[in-house]
Amino acid sequence: MILYTLRCSHDHHFEQWFSNSAEYDSMKAEGGLACPECGDKDVAKAIMAPNVKGAPAAAPAPAPAACTPGGCGMCQFAGQH
């Protein structure tokens, strides 16, 4: 199912569900779309902003391992923390 925002030639906006984009194309070609407010059959898709989720945030870098019991200078992260 796909929801389109439609607009008639009188600038009335309304929404309508379709099984797919081909169903919209078919109804448009047959004159089967009409504005519910004024009955105008000159109907087209209105500009819509898609509702898209952003990409998930990247995982933070792992924290360096704790110093060895010998203290700083003896581990692989000496001078980095």
PDB file of N, CA and C in Angstrom:
ATOM      1  N   MET A   1       0.845  -1.185   0.000  1.00  0.00           N
ATOM      2  CA  MET A   1       0.000   0.000   0.000  1.00  0.00           C
ATOM      3  C   MET A   1       0.888   1.245   0.000  1.00  0.00           C
ATOM      4  N   ILE A   2       0.399   2.253  -0.691  1.00  0.00           N
ATOM      5  CA  ILE A   2       1.131   3.513  -0.760  1.00  0.00           C
ATOM      6  C   ILE A   2       0.139   4.657  -0.602  1.00  0.00           C
ATOM      7  N   LEU A   3       0.520   5.633   0.188  1.00  0.00           N
ATOM      8  CA  LEU A   3      -0.329   6.795   0.444  1.00  0.00           C
ATOM      9  C   LEU A   3       0.213   7.977  -0.335  1.00  0.00           C
ATOM     10  N   TYR A   4      -0.614   8.524  -1.205  1.00  0.00           N
ATOM     11  CA  TYR A   4      -0.226   9.707  -1.964  1.00  0.00           C
ATOM     12  C   TYR A   4      -1.026  10.907  -1.469  1.00  0.00           C
ATOM     13  N   THR A   5      -0.383  12.043  -1.438  1.00  0.00           N
ATOM     14  CA  THR A   5      -1.075  13.307  -1.243  1.00  0.00           C
ATOM     15  C   THR A   5      -1.397  13.807  -2.643  1.00  0.00           C
ATOM     16  N   LEU A   6      -2.669  14.079  -2.881  1.00  0.00           N
ATOM     17  CA  LEU A   6      -3.126  14.510  -4.195  1.00  0.00           C
ATOM     18  C   LEU A   6      -3.598  15.954  -4.119  1.00  0.00           C
ATOM     19  N   ARG A   7      -3.624  16.607  -5.290  1.00  0.00           N
ATOM     20  CA  ARG A   7      -4.038  18.010  -5.366  1.00  0.00           C
ATOM     21  C   ARG A   7      -4.894  18.182  -6.610  1.00  0.00           C
ATOM     22  N   CYS A   8      -6.031  18.862  -6.448  1.00  0.00           N
ATOM     23  CA  CYS A   8      -6.871  19.134  -7.610  1.00  0.00           C
ATOM     24  C   CYS A   8      -6.470  20.491  -8.203  1.00  0.00           C
ATOM     25  N   SER A   9      -7.081  20.835  -9.342  1.00  0.00           N
ATOM     26  CA  SER A   9      -6.730  22.092 -10.008  1.00  0.00           C
ATOM     27  C   SER A   9      -7.186  23.322  -9.230  1.00  0.00           C
ATOM     28  N   HIS A  10      -8.019  23.111  -8.188  1.00  0.00           N
ATOM     29  CA  HIS A  10      -8.453  24.220  -7.324  1.00  0.00           C
ATOM     30  C   HIS A  10      -7.588  24.314  -6.071  1.00  0.00           C
ATOM     31  N   ASP A  11      -6.482  23.591  -6.076  1.00  0.00           N
ATOM     32  CA  ASP A  11      -5.495  23.571  -4.994  1.00  0.00           C
ATOM     33  C   ASP A  11      -6.024  22.983  -3.686  1.00  0.00           C
ATOM     34  N   HIS A  12      -6.970  22.056  -3.784  1.00  0.00           N
ATOM     35  CA  HIS A  12      -7.403  21.300  -2.605  1.00  0.00           C
ATOM     36  C   HIS A  12      -6.478  20.094  -2.480  1.00  0.00           C
ATOM     37  N   HIS A  13      -5.972  19.856  -1.300  1.00  0.00           N
ATOM     38  CA  HIS A  13      -5.072  18.727  -1.048  1.00  0.00           C
ATOM     39  C   HIS A  13      -5.816  17.659  -0.261  1.00  0.00           C
ATOM     40  N   PHE A  14      -5.579  16.397  -0.635  1.00  0.00           N
ATOM     41  CA  PHE A  14      -6.182  15.283   0.084  1.00  0.00           C
ATOM     42  C   PHE A  14      -5.296  14.061  -0.094  1.00  0.00           C
ATOM     43  N   GLU A  15      -5.511  13.059   0.742  1.00  0.00           N
ATOM     44  CA  GLU A  15      -4.704  11.839   0.694  1.00  0.00           C
ATOM     45  C   GLU A  15      -5.564  10.676   0.225  1.00  0.00           C
ATOM     46  N   GLN A  16      -4.921   9.729  -0.465  1.00  0.00           N
ATOM     47  CA  GLN A  16      -5.623   8.529  -0.905  1.00  0.00           C
ATOM     48  C   GLN A  16      -4.640   7.371  -0.955  1.00  0.00           C
ATOM     49  N   TRP A  17      -5.117   6.201  -0.497  1.00  0.00           N
ATOM     50  CA  TRP A  17      -4.306   4.979  -0.513  1.00  0.00           C
ATOM     51  C   TRP A  17      -4.465   4.256  -1.843  1.00  0.00           C
ATOM     52  N   PHE A  18      -3.363   3.655  -2.313  1.00  0.00           N
ATOM     53  CA  PHE A  18      -3.359   2.850  -3.522  1.00  0.00           C
ATOM     54  C   PHE A  18      -2.587   1.569  -3.244  1.00  0.00           C
ATOM     55  N   SER A  19      -2.939   0.502  -3.950  1.00  0.00           N
ATOM     56  CA  SER A  19      -2.215  -0.773  -3.788  1.00  0.00           C
ATOM     57  C   SER A  19      -0.760  -0.625  -4.193  1.00  0.00           C
ATOM     58  N   ASN A  20      -0.532   0.158  -5.254  1.00  0.00           N
ATOM     59  CA  ASN A  20       0.812   0.398  -5.772  1.00  0.00           C
ATOM     60  C   ASN A  20       0.738   1.591  -6.717  1.00  0.00           C
ATOM     61  N   SER A  21       1.860   2.000  -7.255  1.00  0.00           N
ATOM     62  CA  SER A  21       1.865   3.177  -8.125  1.00  0.00           C
ATOM     63  C   SER A  21       1.119   2.917  -9.435  1.00  0.00           C
ATOM     64  N   ALA A  22       1.079   1.662  -9.884  1.00  0.00           N
ATOM     65  CA  ALA A  22       0.346   1.327 -11.115  1.00  0.00           C
ATOM     66  C   ALA A  22      -1.150   1.552 -10.932  1.00  0.00           C
ATOM     67  N   GLU A  23      -1.671   1.294  -9.733  1.00  0.00           N
ATOM     68  CA  GLU A  23      -3.092   1.537  -9.489  1.00  0.00           C
ATOM     69  C   GLU A  23      -3.405   3.029  -9.608  1.00  0.00           C
ATOM     70  N   TYR A  24      -2.530   3.874  -9.059  1.00  0.00           N
ATOM     71  CA  TYR A  24      -2.725   5.323  -9.207  1.00  0.00           C
ATOM     72  C   TYR A  24      -2.735   5.695 -10.689  1.00  0.00           C
ATOM     73  N   ASP A  25      -1.739   5.218 -11.445  1.00  0.00           N
ATOM     74  CA  ASP A  25      -1.637   5.536 -12.874  1.00  0.00           C
ATOM     75  C   ASP A  25      -2.893   5.110 -13.623  1.00  0.00           C
ATOM     76  N   SER A  26      -3.402   3.928 -13.317  1.00  0.00           N
ATOM     77  CA  SER A  26      -4.598   3.401 -13.971  1.00  0.00           C
ATOM     78  C   SER A  26      -5.824   4.256 -13.652  1.00  0.00           C
ATOM     79  N   MET A  27      -6.015   4.575 -12.374  1.00  0.00           N
ATOM     80  CA  MET A  27      -7.166   5.397 -11.978  1.00  0.00           C
ATOM     81  C   MET A  27      -7.086   6.792 -12.587  1.00  0.00           C
ATOM     82  N   LYS A  28      -5.884   7.345 -12.646  1.00  0.00           N
ATOM     83  CA  LYS A  28      -5.682   8.669 -13.239  1.00  0.00           C
ATOM     84  C   LYS A  28      -6.060   8.642 -14.721  1.00  0.00           C
ATOM     85  N   ALA A  29      -5.593   7.620 -15.451  1.00  0.00           N
ATOM     86  CA  ALA A  29      -5.868   7.502 -16.889  1.00  0.00           C
ATOM     87  C   ALA A  29      -7.358   7.304 -17.169  1.00  0.00           C
ATOM     88  N   GLU A  30      -8.062   6.602 -16.272  1.00  0.00           N
ATOM     89  CA  GLU A  30      -9.492   6.329 -16.455  1.00  0.00           C
ATOM     90  C   GLU A  30     -10.373   7.474 -15.953  1.00  0.00           C
ATOM     91  N   GLY A  31      -9.769   8.502 -15.332  1.00  0.00           N
ATOM     92  CA  GLY A  31     -10.561   9.596 -14.760  1.00  0.00           C
ATOM     93  C   GLY A  31     -11.269   9.182 -13.481  1.00  0.00           C
ATOM     94  N   GLY A  32     -10.711   8.177 -12.814  1.00  0.00           N
ATOM     95  CA  GLY A  32     -11.328   7.646 -11.602  1.00  0.00           C
ATOM     96  C   GLY A  32     -10.936   8.365 -10.324  1.00  0.00           C
ATOM     97  N   LEU A  33     -10.185   9.442 -10.415  1.00  0.00           N
ATOM     98  CA  LEU A  33      -9.800  10.214  -9.228  1.00  0.00           C
ATOM     99  C   LEU A  33     -10.613  11.504  -9.210  1.00  0.00           C
ATOM    100  N   ALA A  34     -11.100  11.845  -8.042  1.00  0.00           N
ATOM    101  CA  ALA A  34     -11.867  13.087  -7.907  1.00  0.00           C
ATOM    102  C   ALA A  34     -11.599  13.707  -6.551  1.00  0.00           C
ATOM    103  N   CYS A  35     -11.557  15.016  -6.510  1.00  0.00           N
ATOM    104  CA  CYS A  35     -11.362  15.743  -5.261  1.00  0.00           C
ATOM    105  C   CYS A  35     -12.594  15.559  -4.383  1.00  0.00           C
ATOM    106  N   PRO A  36     -12.415  15.140  -3.137  1.00  0.00           N
ATOM    107  CA  PRO A  36     -13.572  14.956  -2.257  1.00  0.00           C
ATOM    108  C   PRO A  36     -14.228  16.279  -1.850  1.00  0.00           C
ATOM    109  N   GLU A  37     -13.515  17.381  -2.009  1.00  0.00           N
ATOM    110  CA  GLU A  37     -14.056  18.682  -1.603  1.00  0.00           C
ATOM    111  C   GLU A  37     -14.904  19.325  -2.704  1.00  0.00           C
ATOM    112  N   CYS A  38     -14.433  19.244  -3.953  1.00  0.00           N
ATOM    113  CA  CYS A  38     -15.149  19.943  -5.025  1.00  0.00           C
ATOM    114  C   CYS A  38     -15.537  19.038  -6.197  1.00  0.00           C
ATOM    115  N   GLY A  39     -15.077  17.792  -6.198  1.00  0.00           N
ATOM    116  CA  GLY A  39     -15.416  16.869  -7.271  1.00  0.00           C
ATOM    117  C   GLY A  39     -14.573  17.003  -8.524  1.00  0.00           C
ATOM    118  N   ASP A  40     -13.611  17.904  -8.520  1.00  0.00           N
ATOM    119  CA  ASP A  40     -12.733  18.122  -9.679  1.00  0.00           C
ATOM    120  C   ASP A  40     -12.001  16.828 -10.020  1.00  0.00           C
ATOM    121  N   LYS A  41     -11.986  16.464 -11.292  1.00  0.00           N
ATOM    122  CA  LYS A  41     -11.282  15.253 -11.736  1.00  0.00           C
ATOM    123  C   LYS A  41      -9.896  15.559 -12.283  1.00  0.00           C
ATOM    124  N   ASP A  42      -9.510  16.821 -12.283  1.00  0.00           N
ATOM    125  CA  ASP A  42      -8.157  17.208 -12.693  1.00  0.00           C
ATOM    126  C   ASP A  42      -7.271  17.103 -11.456  1.00  0.00           C
ATOM    127  N   VAL A  43      -6.838  15.887 -11.164  1.00  0.00           N
ATOM    128  CA  VAL A  43      -6.112  15.563  -9.935  1.00  0.00           C
ATOM    129  C   VAL A  43      -4.717  15.066 -10.289  1.00  0.00           C
ATOM    130  N   ALA A  44      -3.730  15.479  -9.503  1.00  0.00           N
ATOM    131  CA  ALA A  44      -2.351  15.034  -9.699  1.00  0.00           C
ATOM    132  C   ALA A  44      -1.699  14.830  -8.336  1.00  0.00           C
ATOM    133  N   LYS A  45      -0.577  14.136  -8.344  1.00  0.00           N
ATOM    134  CA  LYS A  45       0.186  13.952  -7.105  1.00  0.00           C
ATOM    135  C   LYS A  45       0.733  15.308  -6.670  1.00  0.00           C
ATOM    136  N   ALA A  46       0.636  15.586  -5.399  1.00  0.00           N
ATOM    137  CA  ALA A  46       1.232  16.796  -4.832  1.00  0.00           C
ATOM    138  C   ALA A  46       2.665  16.475  -4.434  1.00  0.00           C
ATOM    139  N   ILE A  47       3.482  17.488  -4.316  1.00  0.00           N
ATOM    140  CA  ILE A  47       4.854  17.290  -3.851  1.00  0.00           C
ATOM    141  C   ILE A  47       4.792  16.825  -2.409  1.00  0.00           C
ATOM    142  N   MET A  48       5.513  15.752  -2.118  1.00  0.00           N
ATOM    143  CA  MET A  48       5.499  15.184  -0.770  1.00  0.00           C
ATOM    144  C   MET A  48       6.924  15.060  -0.262  1.00  0.00           C
ATOM    145  N   ALA A  49       7.080  15.205   1.026  1.00  0.00           N
ATOM    146  CA  ALA A  49       8.376  14.963   1.668  1.00  0.00           C
ATOM    147  C   ALA A  49       8.336  13.540   2.212  1.00  0.00           C
ATOM    148  N   PRO A  50       9.260  12.683   1.798  1.00  0.00           N
ATOM    149  CA  PRO A  50       9.242  11.313   2.302  1.00  0.00           C
ATOM    150  C   PRO A  50       9.584  11.261   3.788  1.00  0.00           C
ATOM    151  N   ASN A  51       9.031  10.303   4.436  1.00  0.00           N
ATOM    152  CA  ASN A  51       9.312  10.074   5.848  1.00  0.00           C
ATOM    153  C   ASN A  51      10.392   8.999   5.917  1.00  0.00           C
ATOM    154  N   VAL A  52      11.628   9.429   5.990  1.00  0.00           N
ATOM    155  CA  VAL A  52      12.759   8.510   5.961  1.00  0.00           C
ATOM    156  C   VAL A  52      13.524   8.609   7.264  1.00  0.00           C
ATOM    157  N   LYS A  53      13.785   7.464   7.843  1.00  0.00           N
ATOM    158  CA  LYS A  53      14.599   7.450   9.055  1.00  0.00           C
ATOM    159  C   LYS A  53      16.057   7.627   8.674  1.00  0.00           C
ATOM    160  N   GLY A  54      16.780   8.345   9.503  1.00  0.00           N
ATOM    161  CA  GLY A  54      18.215   8.525   9.267  1.00  0.00           C
ATOM    162  C   GLY A  54      18.979   7.244   9.533  1.00  0.00           C
ATOM    163  N   ALA A  55      20.179   7.185   9.071  1.00  0.00           N
ATOM    164  CA  ALA A  55      21.030   6.018   9.303  1.00  0.00           C
ATOM    165  C   ALA A  55      21.365   5.930  10.789  1.00  0.00           C
ATOM    166  N   PRO A  56      21.504   4.730  11.303  1.00  0.00           N
ATOM    167  CA  PRO A  56      21.856   4.605  12.720  1.00  0.00           C
ATOM    168  C   PRO A  56      23.228   5.214  12.981  1.00  0.00           C
ATOM    169  N   ALA A  57      23.380   5.771  14.151  1.00  0.00           N
ATOM    170  CA  ALA A  57      24.654   6.390  14.528  1.00  0.00           C
ATOM    171  C   ALA A  57      25.731   5.309  14.634  1.00  0.00           C
ATOM    172  N   ALA A  58      26.929   5.664  14.261  1.00  0.00           N
ATOM    173  CA  ALA A  58      28.042   4.731  14.348  1.00  0.00           C
ATOM    174  C   ALA A  58      28.344   4.444  15.817  1.00  0.00           C
ATOM    175  N   ALA A  59      28.760   3.246  16.083  1.00  0.00           N
ATOM    176  CA  ALA A  59      29.111   2.865  17.449  1.00  0.00           C
ATOM    177  C   ALA A  59      30.367   3.629  17.870  1.00  0.00           C
ATOM    178  N   PRO A  60      30.411   4.101  19.112  1.00  0.00           N
ATOM    179  CA  PRO A  60      31.605   4.813  19.565  1.00  0.00           C
ATOM    180  C   PRO A  60      32.812   3.877  19.599  1.00  0.00           C
ATOM    181  N   ALA A  61      33.987   4.449  19.460  1.00  0.00           N
ATOM    182  CA  ALA A  61      35.223   3.667  19.509  1.00  0.00           C
ATOM    183  C   ALA A  61      35.369   3.050  20.896  1.00  0.00           C
ATOM    184  N   PRO A  62      35.877   1.836  20.958  1.00  0.00           N
ATOM    185  CA  PRO A  62      36.027   1.202  22.268  1.00  0.00           C
ATOM    186  C   PRO A  62      37.067   1.939  23.106  1.00  0.00           C
ATOM    187  N   ALA A  63      36.830   1.965  24.388  1.00  0.00           N
ATOM    188  CA  ALA A  63      37.770   2.606  25.313  1.00  0.00           C
ATOM    189  C   ALA A  63      39.022   1.740  25.433  1.00  0.00           C
ATOM    190  N   PRO A  64      40.169   2.365  25.631  1.00  0.00           N
ATOM    191  CA  PRO A  64      41.384   1.562  25.785  1.00  0.00           C
ATOM    192  C   PRO A  64      41.288   0.693  27.035  1.00  0.00           C
ATOM    193  N   ALA A  65      41.985  -0.420  26.974  1.00  0.00           N
ATOM    194  CA  ALA A  65      42.006  -1.328  28.118  1.00  0.00           C
ATOM    195  C   ALA A  65      42.688  -0.644  29.303  1.00  0.00           C
ATOM    196  N   ALA A  66      42.356  -1.084  30.480  1.00  0.00           N
ATOM    197  CA  ALA A  66      42.960  -0.522  31.691  1.00  0.00           C
ATOM    198  C   ALA A  66      44.446  -0.853  31.734  1.00  0.00           C
ATOM    199  N   CYS A  67      45.179  -0.016  32.413  1.00  0.00           N
ATOM    200  CA  CYS A  67      46.622  -0.245  32.558  1.00  0.00           C
ATOM    201  C   CYS A  67      46.877  -1.556  33.294  1.00  0.00           C
ATOM    202  N   THR A  68      47.994  -2.108  33.010  1.00  0.00           N
ATOM    203  CA  THR A  68      48.387  -3.334  33.697  1.00  0.00           C
ATOM    204  C   THR A  68      48.721  -2.998  35.152  1.00  0.00           C
ATOM    205  N   PRO A  69      48.797  -3.990  35.991  1.00  0.00           N
ATOM    206  CA  PRO A  69      49.119  -3.721  37.388  1.00  0.00           C
ATOM    207  C   PRO A  69      50.438  -2.966  37.561  1.00  0.00           C
ATOM    208  N   GLY A  70      51.312  -2.984  36.577  1.00  0.00           N
ATOM    209  CA  GLY A  70      52.595  -2.288  36.683  1.00  0.00           C
ATOM    210  C   GLY A  70      52.448  -0.775  36.515  1.00  0.00           C
ATOM    211  N   GLY A  71      51.262  -0.302  36.103  1.00  0.00           N
ATOM    212  CA  GLY A  71      51.052   1.139  35.948  1.00  0.00           C
ATOM    213  C   GLY A  71      51.341   1.584  34.524  1.00  0.00           C
ATOM    214  N   CYS A  72      51.116   2.889  34.268  1.00  0.00           N
ATOM    215  CA  CYS A  72      51.332   3.453  32.934  1.00  0.00           C
ATOM    216  C   CYS A  72      52.780   3.304  32.519  1.00  0.00           C
ATOM    217  N   GLY A  73      52.973   3.180  31.232  1.00  0.00           N
ATOM    218  CA  GLY A  73      54.300   2.968  30.687  1.00  0.00           C
ATOM    219  C   GLY A  73      54.584   1.523  30.413  1.00  0.00           C
ATOM    220  N   MET A  74      53.780   0.649  30.969  1.00  0.00           N
ATOM    221  CA  MET A  74      54.016  -0.783  30.803  1.00  0.00           C
ATOM    222  C   MET A  74      52.976  -1.413  29.887  1.00  0.00           C
ATOM    223  N   CYS A  75      51.946  -0.647  29.513  1.00  0.00           N
ATOM    224  CA  CYS A  75      50.908  -1.250  28.675  1.00  0.00           C
ATOM    225  C   CYS A  75      50.996  -0.720  27.241  1.00  0.00           C
ATOM    226  N   GLN A  76      50.234  -1.318  26.345  1.00  0.00           N
ATOM    227  CA  GLN A  76      50.248  -0.934  24.939  1.00  0.00           C
ATOM    228  C   GLN A  76      49.653   0.453  24.700  1.00  0.00           C
ATOM    229  N   PHE A  77      48.975   1.045  25.680  1.00  0.00           N
ATOM    230  CA  PHE A  77      48.345   2.353  25.523  1.00  0.00           C
ATOM    231  C   PHE A  77      49.105   3.435  26.282  1.00  0.00           C
ATOM    232  N   ALA A  78      50.347   3.203  26.632  1.00  0.00           N
ATOM    233  CA  ALA A  78      51.147   4.167  27.398  1.00  0.00           C
ATOM    234  C   ALA A  78      51.161   5.520  26.689  1.00  0.00           C
ATOM    235  N   GLY A  79      50.837   6.569  27.428  1.00  0.00           N
ATOM    236  CA  GLY A  79      50.849   7.930  26.902  1.00  0.00           C
ATOM    237  C   GLY A  79      49.599   8.300  26.132  1.00  0.00           C
ATOM    238  N   GLN A  80      48.653   7.371  25.964  1.00  0.00           N
ATOM    239  CA  GLN A  80      47.440   7.656  25.214  1.00  0.00           C
ATOM    240  C   GLN A  80      46.239   7.926  26.102  1.00  0.00           C
ATOM    241  N   HIS A  81      46.386   7.776  27.401  1.00  0.00           N
ATOM    242  CA  HIS A  81      45.235   8.004  28.293  1.00  0.00           C
ATOM    243  C   HIS A  81      45.665   8.729  29.538  1.00  0.00           C
TER     244      HIS A  81
END
